[in-house]
Amino acid sequence: MTFSKVPINLDRISKESINSEILRTGIAAEIDAINLYEQMSYMTSSTDIAELLLDIAKEEKTHIGEFAALLLNFDEQQAEELTEGQEEVEEMGIEVLHPILIK
């Protein structure tokens, strides 16, 4: 996995936003993991290894959903912007097949 090399200065992160930052970092790590596992699955000549890697990548996608769902509890602006982004895509005439579910 490749993680961000940007040094984190915790003194600059407010107590109110630390949980959001943790969840976003988790999302970024899962995206890196998905990309790695899928790339390796394309490289291997073993169908067993490829199947295993793709199954693990699928699990990482679930983890993104878990992090994202909880992130919306901690960052109202994020929830609003996700909804606005979906609306902008629909305004472009693109069908949103999997709408973002925000209550």
Protein backbone atom coordinates (compact mmCIF):
# COMPACT_ATOMS: atom_id res chain seq x y z
CA MET A 1 0.00 0.00 0.00
CA THR A 2 1.08 3.54 -0.67
CA PHE A 3 0.19 6.10 1.94
CA SER A 4 0.40 9.85 1.72
CA LYS A 5 3.87 11.13 2.51
CA VAL A 6 2.56 14.50 3.66
CA PRO A 7 3.61 15.06 7.27
CA ILE A 8 0.68 15.55 9.60
CA ASN A 9 0.91 18.37 12.10
CA LEU A 10 -1.75 17.48 14.67
CA ASP A 11 -1.38 20.90 16.29
CA ARG A 12 -2.96 22.45 13.20
CA ILE A 13 -6.02 20.18 13.23
CA SER A 14 -8.86 21.33 15.44
CA LYS A 15 -10.38 18.92 17.93
CA GLU A 16 -13.66 19.28 16.03
CA SER A 17 -12.15 18.08 12.76
CA ILE A 18 -9.74 15.36 13.91
CA ASN A 19 -12.33 12.59 13.49
CA SER A 20 -13.12 13.75 9.95
CA GLU A 21 -9.40 13.78 9.14
CA ILE A 22 -8.99 10.25 10.51
CA LEU A 23 -11.92 8.98 8.44
CA ARG A 24 -10.68 10.69 5.26
CA THR A 25 -7.23 9.17 5.78
CA GLY A 26 -8.89 5.77 6.14
CA ILE A 27 -10.73 6.32 2.85
CA ALA A 28 -7.50 7.31 1.11
CA ALA A 29 -5.72 4.21 2.44
CA GLU A 30 -8.52 1.95 1.23
CA ILE A 31 -8.43 3.52 -2.24
CA ASP A 32 -4.69 2.89 -2.39
CA ALA A 33 -5.25 -0.71 -1.30
CA ILE A 34 -7.96 -1.28 -3.94
CA ASN A 35 -5.70 0.05 -6.68
CA LEU A 36 -2.80 -2.11 -5.51
CA TYR A 37 -4.81 -5.33 -5.24
CA GLU A 38 -6.53 -4.83 -8.59
CA GLN A 39 -3.24 -4.02 -10.33
CA MET A 40 -1.61 -7.12 -8.86
CA SER A 41 -4.58 -9.26 -9.91
CA TYR A 42 -4.02 -8.18 -13.53
CA MET A 43 -0.30 -8.98 -13.29
CA THR A 44 -0.51 -12.52 -11.95
CA SER A 45 -0.86 -15.57 -14.15
CA SER A 46 -2.50 -17.48 -11.29
CA THR A 47 -6.28 -17.42 -11.35
CA ASP A 48 -6.31 -18.36 -7.65
CA ILE A 49 -4.19 -15.37 -6.70
CA ALA A 50 -6.17 -13.05 -8.97
CA GLU A 51 -9.43 -14.24 -7.44
CA LEU A 52 -8.09 -13.71 -3.92
CA LEU A 53 -6.80 -10.22 -4.71
CA LEU A 54 -10.08 -9.15 -6.30
CA ASP A 55 -12.02 -10.48 -3.33
CA ILE A 56 -9.83 -8.48 -0.96
CA ALA A 57 -10.24 -5.38 -3.15
CA LYS A 58 -14.00 -5.83 -2.90
CA GLU A 59 -13.75 -5.90 0.89
CA GLU A 60 -11.75 -2.66 0.78
CA LYS A 61 -14.62 -1.06 -1.16
CA THR A 62 -16.92 -2.00 1.71
CA HIS A 63 -14.49 -0.36 4.10
CA ILE A 64 -14.69 2.86 2.07
CA GLY A 65 -18.46 2.75 2.50
CA GLU A 66 -18.06 2.32 6.24
CA PHE A 67 -15.64 5.23 6.54
CA ALA A 68 -17.76 7.44 4.28
CA ALA A 69 -20.99 6.69 6.14
CA LEU A 70 -19.41 7.66 9.43
CA LEU A 71 -17.67 10.69 7.93
CA LEU A 72 -21.06 12.15 7.09
CA ASN A 73 -21.90 12.03 10.82
CA PHE A 74 -18.87 14.18 11.61
CA ASP A 75 -18.84 16.59 8.66
CA GLU A 76 -22.15 18.17 7.69
CA GLN A 77 -20.47 20.22 4.96
CA GLN A 78 -19.21 16.99 3.38
CA ALA A 79 -22.76 15.60 3.36
CA GLU A 80 -24.08 18.78 1.74
CA GLU A 81 -21.31 18.82 -0.89
CA LEU A 82 -21.87 15.16 -1.79
CA THR A 83 -25.53 15.91 -2.38
CA GLU A 84 -24.67 19.01 -4.41
CA GLY A 85 -22.16 17.06 -6.49
CA GLN A 86 -24.79 14.45 -7.29
CA GLU A 87 -27.24 17.18 -8.33
CA GLU A 88 -24.63 18.77 -10.61
CA VAL A 89 -24.01 15.44 -12.35
CA GLU A 90 -27.77 15.02 -12.87
CA GLU A 91 -28.00 18.59 -14.24
CA MET A 92 -25.41 17.56 -16.85
CA GLY A 93 -27.92 14.97 -18.04
CA ILE A 94 -25.97 12.04 -16.64
CA GLU A 95 -28.06 9.40 -14.93
CA VAL A 96 -26.91 8.68 -11.39
CA LEU A 97 -27.26 4.92 -11.10
CA HIS A 98 -26.44 4.77 -7.38
CA PRO A 99 -27.69 7.92 -5.68
CA ILE A 100 -26.03 9.03 -2.50
CA LEU A 101 -28.33 8.20 0.38
CA ILE A 102 -28.31 11.06 2.84
CA LYS A 103 -31.16 11.37 5.30
